Amino acid sequence: MKKEETVKLISAEGFEFVVDKKAAMVSHTIRNMLTSPGSFAETQHGEVTFPEISTPILEKICQYFYWSLQFARYLFIIFLFFIIFFLNCNFIYLKIN
């Protein structure tokens, strides 16, 4: 994996998590830090330091990023299914009455 495709997230204790940039972009805060115009250190180096987030918490956050990437599209499909189901139930109910 190329360095441009990864982001380094650094916890308060200095532990470094190297994650896919696509996964890190799940967070709007990190996305803004990495894509903001200007010469910010985060944008130039691809590193984001979280001085108030401990290592175990940042690890769970990174796990969530990957989970969200993997299942976000399925959640959207399930959401659409329930909308269609709900609309059909209402249509049948209105047709009967």
PDB file of N, CA and C in Angstrom:
ATOM      1  N   MET A   1       0.848  -1.167   0.000  1.00  0.00           N
ATOM      2  CA  MET A   1       0.000   0.000   0.000  1.00  0.00           C
ATOM      3  C   MET A   1       0.901   1.241   0.000  1.00  0.00           C
ATOM      4  N   LYS A   2       0.570   2.197  -0.828  1.00  0.00           N
ATOM      5  CA  LYS A   2       1.357   3.418  -0.935  1.00  0.00           C
ATOM      6  C   LYS A   2       1.133   4.319   0.272  1.00  0.00           C
ATOM      7  N   LYS A   3       2.144   5.125   0.576  1.00  0.00           N
ATOM      8  CA  LYS A   3       2.041   6.034   1.725  1.00  0.00           C
ATOM      9  C   LYS A   3       0.931   7.060   1.521  1.00  0.00           C
ATOM     10  N   GLU A   4       0.679   7.463   0.267  1.00  0.00           N
ATOM     11  CA  GLU A   4      -0.377   8.445  -0.016  1.00  0.00           C
ATOM     12  C   GLU A   4      -1.758   7.884   0.257  1.00  0.00           C
ATOM     13  N   GLU A   5      -1.874   6.549   0.290  1.00  0.00           N
ATOM     14  CA  GLU A   5      -3.165   5.902   0.504  1.00  0.00           C
ATOM     15  C   GLU A   5      -3.434   5.609   1.974  1.00  0.00           C
ATOM     16  N   THR A   6      -2.500   5.983   2.847  1.00  0.00           N
ATOM     17  CA  THR A   6      -2.666   5.709   4.272  1.00  0.00           C
ATOM     18  C   THR A   6      -2.609   7.001   5.084  1.00  0.00           C
ATOM     19  N   VAL A   7      -3.119   6.908   6.291  1.00  0.00           N
ATOM     20  CA  VAL A   7      -3.103   8.017   7.242  1.00  0.00           C
ATOM     21  C   VAL A   7      -2.607   7.457   8.565  1.00  0.00           C
ATOM     22  N   LYS A   8      -1.817   8.234   9.259  1.00  0.00           N
ATOM     23  CA  LYS A   8      -1.311   7.819  10.559  1.00  0.00           C
ATOM     24  C   LYS A   8      -2.080   8.575  11.630  1.00  0.00           C
ATOM     25  N   LEU A   9      -2.762   7.822  12.492  1.00  0.00           N
ATOM     26  CA  LEU A   9      -3.495   8.406  13.616  1.00  0.00           C
ATOM     27  C   LEU A   9      -2.695   8.128  14.878  1.00  0.00           C
ATOM     28  N   ILE A  10      -2.388   9.169  15.636  1.00  0.00           N
ATOM     29  CA  ILE A  10      -1.500   9.047  16.789  1.00  0.00           C
ATOM     30  C   ILE A  10      -2.289   9.330  18.067  1.00  0.00           C
ATOM     31  N   SER A  11      -2.214   8.398  19.009  1.00  0.00           N
ATOM     32  CA  SER A  11      -2.956   8.527  20.270  1.00  0.00           C
ATOM     33  C   SER A  11      -2.198   9.407  21.256  1.00  0.00           C
ATOM     34  N   ALA A  12      -2.807   9.630  22.404  1.00  0.00           N
ATOM     35  CA  ALA A  12      -2.205  10.469  23.443  1.00  0.00           C
ATOM     36  C   ALA A  12      -0.902   9.879  23.969  1.00  0.00           C
ATOM     37  N   GLU A  13      -0.811   8.548  23.980  1.00  0.00           N
ATOM     38  CA  GLU A  13       0.399   7.896  24.462  1.00  0.00           C
ATOM     39  C   GLU A  13       1.479   7.785  23.390  1.00  0.00           C
ATOM     40  N   GLY A  14       1.166   8.221  22.178  1.00  0.00           N
ATOM     41  CA  GLY A  14       2.137   8.176  21.090  1.00  0.00           C
ATOM     42  C   GLY A  14       2.047   6.942  20.219  1.00  0.00           C
ATOM     43  N   PHE A  15       1.069   6.064  20.463  1.00  0.00           N
ATOM     44  CA  PHE A  15       0.902   4.872  19.632  1.00  0.00           C
ATOM     45  C   PHE A  15       0.353   5.293  18.273  1.00  0.00           C
ATOM     46  N   GLU A  16       0.912   4.735  17.216  1.00  0.00           N
ATOM     47  CA  GLU A  16       0.539   5.134  15.858  1.00  0.00           C
ATOM     48  C   GLU A  16      -0.281   4.035  15.180  1.00  0.00           C
ATOM     49  N   PHE A  17      -1.432   4.424  14.654  1.00  0.00           N
ATOM     50  CA  PHE A  17      -2.280   3.525  13.872  1.00  0.00           C
ATOM     51  C   PHE A  17      -2.198   3.970  12.420  1.00  0.00           C
ATOM     52  N   VAL A  18      -1.778   3.075  11.552  1.00  0.00           N
ATOM     53  CA  VAL A  18      -1.729   3.384  10.125  1.00  0.00           C
ATOM     54  C   VAL A  18      -2.965   2.750   9.504  1.00  0.00           C
ATOM     55  N   VAL A  19      -3.859   3.588   8.980  1.00  0.00           N
ATOM     56  CA  VAL A  19      -5.124   3.114   8.406  1.00  0.00           C
ATOM     57  C   VAL A  19      -5.247   3.619   6.972  1.00  0.00           C
ATOM     58  N   ASP A  20      -6.105   2.945   6.215  1.00  0.00           N
ATOM     59  CA  ASP A  20      -6.390   3.401   4.856  1.00  0.00           C
ATOM     60  C   ASP A  20      -6.998   4.791   4.908  1.00  0.00           C
ATOM     61  N   LYS A  21      -6.618   5.613   3.953  1.00  0.00           N
ATOM     62  CA  LYS A  21      -7.156   6.972   3.910  1.00  0.00           C
ATOM     63  C   LYS A  21      -8.665   6.934   3.708  1.00  0.00           C
ATOM     64  N   LYS A  22      -9.122   5.974   2.904  1.00  0.00           N
ATOM     65  CA  LYS A  22     -10.558   5.838   2.649  1.00  0.00           C
ATOM     66  C   LYS A  22     -11.310   5.523   3.945  1.00  0.00           C
ATOM     67  N   ALA A  23     -10.717   4.693   4.784  1.00  0.00           N
ATOM     68  CA  ALA A  23     -11.350   4.359   6.063  1.00  0.00           C
ATOM     69  C   ALA A  23     -11.348   5.562   6.994  1.00  0.00           C
ATOM     70  N   ALA A  24     -10.245   6.284   7.041  1.00  0.00           N
ATOM     71  CA  ALA A  24     -10.164   7.452   7.927  1.00  0.00           C
ATOM     72  C   ALA A  24     -11.135   8.542   7.507  1.00  0.00           C
ATOM     73  N   MET A  25     -11.443   8.619   6.207  1.00  0.00           N
ATOM     74  CA  MET A  25     -12.351   9.643   5.706  1.00  0.00           C
ATOM     75  C   MET A  25     -13.797   9.408   6.147  1.00  0.00           C
ATOM     76  N   VAL A  26     -14.066   8.278   6.799  1.00  0.00           N
ATOM     77  CA  VAL A  26     -15.396   8.056   7.379  1.00  0.00           C
ATOM     78  C   VAL A  26     -15.701   9.159   8.384  1.00  0.00           C
ATOM     79  N   SER A  27     -14.673   9.598   9.102  1.00  0.00           N
ATOM     80  CA  SER A  27     -14.820  10.683  10.062  1.00  0.00           C
ATOM     81  C   SER A  27     -14.763  12.021   9.333  1.00  0.00           C
ATOM     82  N   HIS A  28     -15.797  12.816   9.486  1.00  0.00           N
ATOM     83  CA  HIS A  28     -15.825  14.140   8.849  1.00  0.00           C
ATOM     84  C   HIS A  28     -14.745  15.050   9.431  1.00  0.00           C
ATOM     85  N   THR A  29     -14.447  14.876  10.699  1.00  0.00           N
ATOM     86  CA  THR A  29     -13.404  15.689  11.333  1.00  0.00           C
ATOM     87  C   THR A  29     -12.046  15.395  10.710  1.00  0.00           C
ATOM     88  N   ILE A  30     -11.719  14.115  10.585  1.00  0.00           N
ATOM     89  CA  ILE A  30     -10.434  13.746   9.978  1.00  0.00           C
ATOM     90  C   ILE A  30     -10.416  14.141   8.516  1.00  0.00           C
ATOM     91  N   ARG A  31     -11.535  13.964   7.822  1.00  0.00           N
ATOM     92  CA  ARG A  31     -11.612  14.365   6.413  1.00  0.00           C
ATOM     93  C   ARG A  31     -11.304  15.853   6.266  1.00  0.00           C
ATOM     94  N   ASN A  32     -11.880  16.676   7.132  1.00  0.00           N
ATOM     95  CA  ASN A  32     -11.625  18.118   7.075  1.00  0.00           C
ATOM     96  C   ASN A  32     -10.168  18.438   7.388  1.00  0.00           C
ATOM     97  N   MET A  33      -9.582  17.719   8.340  1.00  0.00           N
ATOM     98  CA  MET A  33      -8.178  17.956   8.676  1.00  0.00           C
ATOM     99  C   MET A  33      -7.257  17.628   7.503  1.00  0.00           C
ATOM    100  N   LEU A  34      -7.589  16.569   6.771  1.00  0.00           N
ATOM    101  CA  LEU A  34      -6.697  16.104   5.707  1.00  0.00           C
ATOM    102  C   LEU A  34      -6.923  16.798   4.373  1.00  0.00           C
ATOM    103  N   THR A  35      -8.086  17.365   4.178  1.00  0.00           N
ATOM    104  CA  THR A  35      -8.390  17.956   2.871  1.00  0.00           C
ATOM    105  C   THR A  35      -8.547  19.468   2.916  1.00  0.00           C
ATOM    106  N   SER A  36      -8.327  20.068   4.063  1.00  0.00           N
ATOM    107  CA  SER A  36      -8.518  21.514   4.163  1.00  0.00           C
ATOM    108  C   SER A  36      -7.440  22.250   3.369  1.00  0.00           C
ATOM    109  N   PRO A  37      -7.816  23.367   2.759  1.00  0.00           N
ATOM    110  CA  PRO A  37      -6.818  24.150   2.032  1.00  0.00           C
ATOM    111  C   PRO A  37      -5.842  24.806   3.005  1.00  0.00           C
ATOM    112  N   GLY A  38      -4.673  25.045   2.535  1.00  0.00           N
ATOM    113  CA  GLY A  38      -3.659  25.641   3.398  1.00  0.00           C
ATOM    114  C   GLY A  38      -2.542  24.662   3.672  1.00  0.00           C
ATOM    115  N   SER A  39      -1.601  25.090   4.435  1.00  0.00           N
ATOM    116  CA  SER A  39      -0.435  24.246   4.697  1.00  0.00           C
ATOM    117  C   SER A  39      -0.451  23.727   6.128  1.00  0.00           C
ATOM    118  N   PHE A  40      -1.475  22.976   6.453  1.00  0.00           N
ATOM    119  CA  PHE A  40      -1.564  22.369   7.773  1.00  0.00           C
ATOM    120  C   PHE A  40      -0.684  21.130   7.812  1.00  0.00           C
ATOM    121  N   ALA A  41      -0.162  20.819   8.978  1.00  0.00           N
ATOM    122  CA  ALA A  41       0.723  19.662   9.136  1.00  0.00           C
ATOM    123  C   ALA A  41       0.001  18.363   8.798  1.00  0.00           C
ATOM    124  N   GLU A  42      -1.273  18.266   9.183  1.00  0.00           N
ATOM    125  CA  GLU A  42      -2.041  17.055   8.906  1.00  0.00           C
ATOM    126  C   GLU A  42      -2.137  16.798   7.404  1.00  0.00           C
ATOM    127  N   THR A  43      -2.366  17.864   6.638  1.00  0.00           N
ATOM    128  CA  THR A  43      -2.507  17.733   5.194  1.00  0.00           C
ATOM    129  C   THR A  43      -1.181  17.337   4.557  1.00  0.00           C
ATOM    130  N   GLN A  44      -0.100  17.941   4.990  1.00  0.00           N
ATOM    131  CA  GLN A  44       1.204  17.692   4.384  1.00  0.00           C
ATOM    132  C   GLN A  44       1.771  16.321   4.725  1.00  0.00           C
ATOM    133  N   HIS A  45       1.660  15.915   5.978  1.00  0.00           N
ATOM    134  CA  HIS A  45       2.304  14.681   6.423  1.00  0.00           C
ATOM    135  C   HIS A  45       1.369  13.476   6.467  1.00  0.00           C
ATOM    136  N   GLY A  46       0.070  13.694   6.379  1.00  0.00           N
ATOM    137  CA  GLY A  46      -0.871  12.583   6.473  1.00  0.00           C
ATOM    138  C   GLY A  46      -0.914  11.981   7.870  1.00  0.00           C
ATOM    139  N   GLU A  47      -0.651  12.806   8.871  1.00  0.00           N
ATOM    140  CA  GLU A  47      -0.692  12.373  10.271  1.00  0.00           C
ATOM    141  C   GLU A  47      -1.654  13.250  11.055  1.00  0.00           C
ATOM    142  N   VAL A  48      -2.423  12.606  11.918  1.00  0.00           N
ATOM    143  CA  VAL A  48      -3.332  13.350  12.792  1.00  0.00           C
ATOM    144  C   VAL A  48      -3.061  12.894  14.216  1.00  0.00           C
ATOM    145  N   THR A  49      -2.738  13.840  15.079  1.00  0.00           N
ATOM    146  CA  THR A  49      -2.452  13.538  16.481  1.00  0.00           C
ATOM    147  C   THR A  49      -3.676  13.881  17.325  1.00  0.00           C
ATOM    148  N   PHE A  50      -4.030  12.944  18.198  1.00  0.00           N
ATOM    149  CA  PHE A  50      -5.149  13.138  19.111  1.00  0.00           C
ATOM    150  C   PHE A  50      -4.608  13.124  20.538  1.00  0.00           C
ATOM    151  N   PRO A  51      -4.226  14.279  21.076  1.00  0.00           N
ATOM    152  CA  PRO A  51      -3.591  14.319  22.394  1.00  0.00           C
ATOM    153  C   PRO A  51      -4.512  13.958  23.554  1.00  0.00           C
ATOM    154  N   GLU A  52      -5.804  13.880  23.302  1.00  0.00           N
ATOM    155  CA  GLU A  52      -6.734  13.575  24.398  1.00  0.00           C
ATOM    156  C   GLU A  52      -7.456  12.248  24.222  1.00  0.00           C
ATOM    157  N   ILE A  53      -7.042  11.460  23.223  1.00  0.00           N
ATOM    158  CA  ILE A  53      -7.680  10.160  22.988  1.00  0.00           C
ATOM    159  C   ILE A  53      -6.658   9.069  23.302  1.00  0.00           C
ATOM    160  N   SER A  54      -7.029   8.176  24.224  1.00  0.00           N
ATOM    161  CA  SER A  54      -6.118   7.100  24.623  1.00  0.00           C
ATOM    162  C   SER A  54      -6.012   6.039  23.533  1.00  0.00           C
ATOM    163  N   THR A  55      -5.000   5.203  23.659  1.00  0.00           N
ATOM    164  CA  THR A  55      -4.733   4.171  22.652  1.00  0.00           C
ATOM    165  C   THR A  55      -5.887   3.182  22.484  1.00  0.00           C
ATOM    166  N   PRO A  56      -6.473   2.631  23.572  1.00  0.00           N
ATOM    167  CA  PRO A  56      -7.584   1.684  23.374  1.00  0.00           C
ATOM    168  C   PRO A  56      -8.797   2.318  22.696  1.00  0.00           C
ATOM    169  N   ILE A  57      -9.074   3.572  23.012  1.00  0.00           N
ATOM    170  CA  ILE A  57     -10.213   4.254  22.394  1.00  0.00           C
ATOM    171  C   ILE A  57      -9.947   4.499  20.916  1.00  0.00           C
ATOM    172  N   LEU A  58      -8.740   4.947  20.585  1.00  0.00           N
ATOM    173  CA  LEU A  58      -8.394   5.191  19.181  1.00  0.00           C
ATOM    174  C   LEU A  58      -8.403   3.885  18.393  1.00  0.00           C
ATOM    175  N   GLU A  59      -8.031   2.795  19.028  1.00  0.00           N
ATOM    176  CA  GLU A  59      -8.093   1.489  18.356  1.00  0.00           C
ATOM    177  C   GLU A  59      -9.535   1.145  17.987  1.00  0.00           C
ATOM    178  N   LYS A  60     -10.462   1.358  18.917  1.00  0.00           N
ATOM    179  CA  LYS A  60     -11.882   1.100  18.639  1.00  0.00           C
ATOM    180  C   LYS A  60     -12.404   2.022  17.549  1.00  0.00           C
ATOM    181  N   ILE A  61     -11.942   3.258  17.537  1.00  0.00           N
ATOM    182  CA  ILE A  61     -12.347   4.206  16.497  1.00  0.00           C
ATOM    183  C   ILE A  61     -11.889   3.703  15.135  1.00  0.00           C
ATOM    184  N   CYS A  62     -10.663   3.230  15.052  1.00  0.00           N
ATOM    185  CA  CYS A  62     -10.140   2.693  13.793  1.00  0.00           C
ATOM    186  C   CYS A  62     -10.925   1.461  13.350  1.00  0.00           C
ATOM    187  N   GLN A  63     -11.278   0.610  14.305  1.00  0.00           N
ATOM    188  CA  GLN A  63     -12.106  -0.560  13.982  1.00  0.00           C
ATOM    189  C   GLN A  63     -13.458  -0.118  13.434  1.00  0.00           C
ATOM    190  N   TYR A  64     -14.036   0.905  14.032  1.00  0.00           N
ATOM    191  CA  TYR A  64     -15.315   1.419  13.542  1.00  0.00           C
ATOM    192  C   TYR A  64     -15.198   1.939  12.113  1.00  0.00           C
ATOM    193  N   PHE A  65     -14.100   2.625  11.794  1.00  0.00           N
ATOM    194  CA  PHE A  65     -13.913   3.135  10.434  1.00  0.00           C
ATOM    195  C   PHE A  65     -14.013   2.002   9.422  1.00  0.00           C
ATOM    196  N   TYR A  66     -13.316   0.908   9.676  1.00  0.00           N
ATOM    197  CA  TYR A  66     -13.339  -0.229   8.752  1.00  0.00           C
ATOM    198  C   TYR A  66     -14.708  -0.913   8.736  1.00  0.00           C
ATOM    199  N   TRP A  67     -15.334  -1.023   9.903  1.00  0.00           N
ATOM    200  CA  TRP A  67     -16.671  -1.618   9.969  1.00  0.00           C
ATOM    201  C   TRP A  67     -17.657  -0.778   9.152  1.00  0.00           C
ATOM    202  N   SER A  68     -17.577   0.521   9.328  1.00  0.00           N
ATOM    203  CA  SER A  68     -18.476   1.422   8.617  1.00  0.00           C
ATOM    204  C   SER A  68     -18.271   1.328   7.112  1.00  0.00           C
ATOM    205  N   LEU A  69     -17.030   1.255   6.678  1.00  0.00           N
ATOM    206  CA  LEU A  69     -16.755   1.104   5.248  1.00  0.00           C
ATOM    207  C   LEU A  69     -17.350  -0.180   4.709  1.00  0.00           C
ATOM    208  N   GLN A  70     -17.257  -1.238   5.480  1.00  0.00           N
ATOM    209  CA  GLN A  70     -17.712  -2.545   5.015  1.00  0.00           C
ATOM    210  C   GLN A  70     -19.236  -2.649   4.978  1.00  0.00           C
ATOM    211  N   PHE A  71     -19.917  -2.091   5.978  1.00  0.00           N
ATOM    212  CA  PHE A  71     -21.348  -2.325   6.108  1.00  0.00           C
ATOM    213  C   PHE A  71     -22.239  -1.139   5.782  1.00  0.00           C
ATOM    214  N   ALA A  72     -21.691   0.014   5.484  1.00  0.00           N
ATOM    215  CA  ALA A  72     -22.511   1.201   5.232  1.00  0.00           C
ATOM    216  C   ALA A  72     -23.461   0.984   4.065  1.00  0.00           C
ATOM    217  N   ARG A  73     -22.977   0.381   2.997  1.00  0.00           N
ATOM    218  CA  ARG A  73     -23.859   0.189   1.831  1.00  0.00           C
ATOM    219  C   ARG A  73     -24.992  -0.786   2.144  1.00  0.00           C
ATOM    220  N   TYR A  74     -24.722  -1.798   2.984  1.00  0.00           N
ATOM    221  CA  TYR A  74     -25.770  -2.745   3.345  1.00  0.00           C
ATOM    222  C   TYR A  74     -26.831  -2.085   4.218  1.00  0.00           C
ATOM    223  N   LEU A  75     -26.415  -1.223   5.118  1.00  0.00           N
ATOM    224  CA  LEU A  75     -27.376  -0.515   5.949  1.00  0.00           C
ATOM    225  C   LEU A  75     -28.281   0.369   5.102  1.00  0.00           C
ATOM    226  N   PHE A  76     -27.725   0.974   4.063  1.00  0.00           N
ATOM    227  CA  PHE A  76     -28.526   1.803   3.170  1.00  0.00           C
ATOM    228  C   PHE A  76     -29.546   0.953   2.422  1.00  0.00           C
ATOM    229  N   ILE A  77     -29.143  -0.223   1.965  1.00  0.00           N
ATOM    230  CA  ILE A  77     -30.069  -1.116   1.250  1.00  0.00           C
ATOM    231  C   ILE A  77     -31.184  -1.574   2.179  1.00  0.00           C
ATOM    232  N   ILE A  78     -30.841  -1.922   3.412  1.00  0.00           N
ATOM    233  CA  ILE A  78     -31.864  -2.337   4.384  1.00  0.00           C
ATOM    234  C   ILE A  78     -32.816  -1.184   4.672  1.00  0.00           C
ATOM    235  N   PHE A  79     -32.292   0.016   4.806  1.00  0.00           N
ATOM    236  CA  PHE A  79     -33.119   1.195   5.024  1.00  0.00           C
ATOM    237  C   PHE A  79     -34.104   1.382   3.872  1.00  0.00           C
ATOM    238  N   LEU A  80     -33.632   1.257   2.632  1.00  0.00           N
ATOM    239  CA  LEU A  80     -34.522   1.386   1.475  1.00  0.00           C
ATOM    240  C   LEU A  80     -35.586   0.295   1.466  1.00  0.00           C
ATOM    241  N   PHE A  81     -35.201  -0.924   1.838  1.00  0.00           N
ATOM    242  CA  PHE A  81     -36.166  -2.017   1.891  1.00  0.00           C
ATOM    243  C   PHE A  81     -37.303  -1.691   2.853  1.00  0.00           C
ATOM    244  N   PHE A  82     -36.969  -1.175   4.036  1.00  0.00           N
ATOM    245  CA  PHE A  82     -38.008  -0.852   5.016  1.00  0.00           C
ATOM    246  C   PHE A  82     -38.892   0.298   4.542  1.00  0.00           C
ATOM    247  N   ILE A  83     -38.344   1.247   3.850  1.00  0.00           N
ATOM    248  CA  ILE A  83     -39.161   2.335   3.305  1.00  0.00           C
ATOM    249  C   ILE A  83     -40.148   1.788   2.284  1.00  0.00           C
ATOM    250  N   ILE A  84     -39.650   0.955   1.379  1.00  0.00           N
ATOM    251  CA  ILE A  84     -40.532   0.368   0.354  1.00  0.00           C
ATOM    252  C   ILE A  84     -41.596  -0.494   1.016  1.00  0.00           C
ATOM    253  N   PHE A  85     -41.191  -1.301   2.000  1.00  0.00           N
ATOM    254  CA  PHE A  85     -42.138  -2.147   2.711  1.00  0.00           C
ATOM    255  C   PHE A  85     -43.209  -1.306   3.400  1.00  0.00           C
ATOM    256  N   PHE A  86     -42.801  -0.245   4.080  1.00  0.00           N
ATOM    257  CA  PHE A  86     -43.730   0.624   4.783  1.00  0.00           C
ATOM    258  C   PHE A  86     -44.709   1.283   3.810  1.00  0.00           C
ATOM    259  N   LEU A  87     -44.205   1.771   2.683  1.00  0.00           N
ATOM    260  CA  LEU A  87     -45.076   2.402   1.701  1.00  0.00           C
ATOM    261  C   LEU A  87     -46.074   1.412   1.111  1.00  0.00           C
ATOM    262  N   ASN A  88     -45.627   0.186   0.866  1.00  0.00           N
ATOM    263  CA  ASN A  88     -46.535  -0.836   0.342  1.00  0.00           C
ATOM    264  C   ASN A  88     -47.602  -1.199   1.355  1.00  0.00           C
ATOM    265  N   CYS A  89     -47.234  -1.303   2.625  1.00  0.00           N
ATOM    266  CA  CYS A  89     -48.219  -1.612   3.667  1.00  0.00           C
ATOM    267  C   CYS A  89     -49.266  -0.506   3.767  1.00  0.00           C
ATOM    268  N   ASN A  90     -48.827   0.744   3.704  1.00  0.00           N
ATOM    269  CA  ASN A  90     -49.776   1.847   3.755  1.00  0.00           C
ATOM    270  C   ASN A  90     -50.683   1.862   2.526  1.00  0.00           C
ATOM    271  N   PHE A  91     -50.130   1.546   1.368  1.00  0.00           N
ATOM    272  CA  PHE A  91     -50.924   1.519   0.150  1.00  0.00           C
ATOM    273  C   PHE A  91     -51.984   0.422   0.229  1.00  0.00           C
ATOM    274  N   ILE A  92     -51.620  -0.749   0.722  1.00  0.00           N
ATOM    275  CA  ILE A  92     -52.572  -1.859   0.855  1.00  0.00           C
ATOM    276  C   ILE A  92     -53.648  -1.491   1.878  1.00  0.00           C
ATOM    277  N   TYR A  93     -53.260  -0.883   2.983  1.00  0.00           N
ATOM    278  CA  TYR A  93     -54.207  -0.482   4.015  1.00  0.00           C
ATOM    279  C   TYR A  93     -55.199   0.538   3.467  1.00  0.00           C
ATOM    280  N   LEU A  94     -54.717   1.501   2.707  1.00  0.00           N
ATOM    281  CA  LEU A  94     -55.598   2.529   2.134  1.00  0.00           C
ATOM    282  C   LEU A  94     -56.521   1.929   1.090  1.00  0.00           C
ATOM    283  N   LYS A  95     -56.032   0.949   0.358  1.00  0.00           N
ATOM    284  CA  LYS A  95     -56.832   0.308  -0.674  1.00  0.00           C
ATOM    285  C   LYS A  95     -57.961  -0.524  -0.061  1.00  0.00           C
ATOM    286  N   ILE A  96     -57.694  -1.147   1.075  1.00  0.00           N
ATOM    287  CA  ILE A  96     -58.702  -1.964   1.739  1.00  0.00           C
ATOM    288  C   ILE A  96     -59.796  -1.087   2.345  1.00  0.00           C
ATOM    289  N   ASN A  97     -59.396   0.016   2.934  1.00  0.00           N
ATOM    290  CA  ASN A  97     -60.377   0.887   3.599  1.00  0.00           C
ATOM    291  C   ASN A  97     -60.953   1.795   2.612  1.00  0.00           C
TER     292      ASN A  97
END
